[in-house]
Amino acid sequence: MTFALHVATNVRVEFFRITINITSTSYREELGDRSSAEFHELAAAVGAEVEHIYQDIAGQQTANVLQFR
């Protein structure tokens, strides 16, 4: 899975692209389709967990899942 983490500050906007290996979920073909319900469901769950990790950092942090593979 690859996603972008957007970290906004008062002066500039930074983007970080990282890769996370998820071992608790088996890959299914539907996860490769960004328009599928399966993609959106897992992307929302992963994004929420990543945003939770960064909740104590000042400013607005947003995590967006780009793909599962």
C-alpha atoms as a PDB file:
ATOM      1  CA  MET A   1       0.000   0.000   0.000  1.00  0.00           C
ATOM      2  CA  THR A   2       1.241   3.500  -0.760  1.00  0.00           C
ATOM      3  CA  PHE A   3      -0.185   6.713   0.562  1.00  0.00           C
ATOM      4  CA  ALA A   4       0.744  10.366   0.836  1.00  0.00           C
ATOM      5  CA  LEU A   5       0.901  12.194   4.137  1.00  0.00           C
ATOM      6  CA  HIS A   6       0.218  15.898   3.806  1.00  0.00           C
ATOM      7  CA  VAL A   7       1.711  18.060   6.571  1.00  0.00           C
ATOM      8  CA  ALA A   8       0.738  21.739   6.406  1.00  0.00           C
ATOM      9  CA  THR A   9       2.601  24.453   8.309  1.00  0.00           C
ATOM     10  CA  ASN A  10       2.206  28.230   8.467  1.00  0.00           C
ATOM     11  CA  VAL A  11       4.969  28.798   5.946  1.00  0.00           C
ATOM     12  CA  ARG A  12       4.916  25.899   3.529  1.00  0.00           C
ATOM     13  CA  VAL A  13       3.158  22.695   2.629  1.00  0.00           C
ATOM     14  CA  GLU A  14       5.052  19.410   2.765  1.00  0.00           C
ATOM     15  CA  PHE A  15       4.137  16.067   1.261  1.00  0.00           C
ATOM     16  CA  PHE A  16       5.634  12.754   2.295  1.00  0.00           C
ATOM     17  CA  ARG A  17       5.096   9.549   0.365  1.00  0.00           C
ATOM     18  CA  ILE A  18       5.597   6.361   2.324  1.00  0.00           C
ATOM     19  CA  THR A  19       4.936   2.662   1.849  1.00  0.00           C
ATOM     20  CA  ILE A  20       3.355   0.500   4.544  1.00  0.00           C
ATOM     21  CA  ASN A  21       3.108  -3.283   4.471  1.00  0.00           C
ATOM     22  CA  ILE A  22      -0.180  -4.554   5.880  1.00  0.00           C
ATOM     23  CA  THR A  23       0.135  -8.142   7.022  1.00  0.00           C
ATOM     24  CA  SER A  24      -3.268  -8.538   8.679  1.00  0.00           C
ATOM     25  CA  THR A  25      -5.241  -8.267   5.416  1.00  0.00           C
ATOM     26  CA  SER A  26      -4.870 -10.405   2.310  1.00  0.00           C
ATOM     27  CA  TYR A  27      -4.759  -8.587  -1.009  1.00  0.00           C
ATOM     28  CA  ARG A  28      -7.890  -8.923  -3.105  1.00  0.00           C
ATOM     29  CA  GLU A  29      -8.299  -7.748  -6.696  1.00  0.00           C
ATOM     30  CA  GLU A  30     -10.958  -5.211  -5.613  1.00  0.00           C
ATOM     31  CA  LEU A  31      -8.313  -3.345  -3.592  1.00  0.00           C
ATOM     32  CA  GLY A  32      -6.543  -2.477  -6.844  1.00  0.00           C
ATOM     33  CA  ASP A  33      -9.618  -0.571  -8.043  1.00  0.00           C
ATOM     34  CA  ARG A  34      -9.747   2.925  -6.487  1.00  0.00           C
ATOM     35  CA  SER A  35     -13.462   3.128  -7.252  1.00  0.00           C
ATOM     36  CA  SER A  36     -14.402  -0.071  -5.390  1.00  0.00           C
ATOM     37  CA  ALA A  37     -16.135  -0.121  -2.027  1.00  0.00           C
ATOM     38  CA  GLU A  38     -13.403  -2.435  -0.704  1.00  0.00           C
ATOM     39  CA  PHE A  39     -10.699   0.093  -1.603  1.00  0.00           C
ATOM     40  CA  HIS A  40     -12.578   2.968   0.049  1.00  0.00           C
ATOM     41  CA  GLU A  41     -13.318   0.967   3.200  1.00  0.00           C
ATOM     42  CA  LEU A  42      -9.717  -0.112   3.790  1.00  0.00           C
ATOM     43  CA  ALA A  43      -8.315   3.260   2.703  1.00  0.00           C
ATOM     44  CA  ALA A  44     -10.520   5.060   5.233  1.00  0.00           C
ATOM     45  CA  ALA A  45      -9.442   2.721   8.031  1.00  0.00           C
ATOM     46  CA  VAL A  46      -5.739   3.008   7.212  1.00  0.00           C
ATOM     47  CA  GLY A  47      -5.933   6.775   6.738  1.00  0.00           C
ATOM     48  CA  ALA A  48      -7.638   7.223  10.107  1.00  0.00           C
ATOM     49  CA  GLU A  49      -4.945   5.164  11.854  1.00  0.00           C
ATOM     50  CA  VAL A  50      -2.114   7.130  10.241  1.00  0.00           C
ATOM     51  CA  GLU A  51      -3.764  10.461  11.074  1.00  0.00           C
ATOM     52  CA  HIS A  52      -4.121   9.240  14.662  1.00  0.00           C
ATOM     53  CA  ILE A  53      -0.347   8.688  14.831  1.00  0.00           C
ATOM     54  CA  TYR A  54       0.259  12.324  13.853  1.00  0.00           C
ATOM     55  CA  GLN A  55      -2.535  13.894  15.950  1.00  0.00           C
ATOM     56  CA  ASP A  56      -0.120  15.583  18.390  1.00  0.00           C
ATOM     57  CA  ILE A  57       1.795  17.442  15.673  1.00  0.00           C
ATOM     58  CA  ALA A  58       0.772  21.077  15.300  1.00  0.00           C
ATOM     59  CA  GLY A  59      -1.113  22.000  12.150  1.00  0.00           C
ATOM     60  CA  GLN A  60      -3.315  19.974   9.880  1.00  0.00           C
ATOM     61  CA  GLN A  61      -2.219  16.474   8.877  1.00  0.00           C
ATOM     62  CA  THR A  62      -4.069  14.459   6.263  1.00  0.00           C
ATOM     63  CA  ALA A  63      -3.317  10.930   5.074  1.00  0.00           C
ATOM     64  CA  ASN A  64      -4.506   9.758   1.659  1.00  0.00           C
ATOM     65  CA  VAL A  65      -4.145   6.184   0.444  1.00  0.00           C
ATOM     66  CA  LEU A  66      -2.975   6.195  -3.167  1.00  0.00           C
ATOM     67  CA  GLN A  67      -3.020   2.489  -3.927  1.00  0.00           C
ATOM     68  CA  PHE A  68      -2.976  -1.056  -2.651  1.00  0.00           C
ATOM     69  CA  ARG A  69      -0.846  -3.639  -4.383  1.00  0.00           C
END
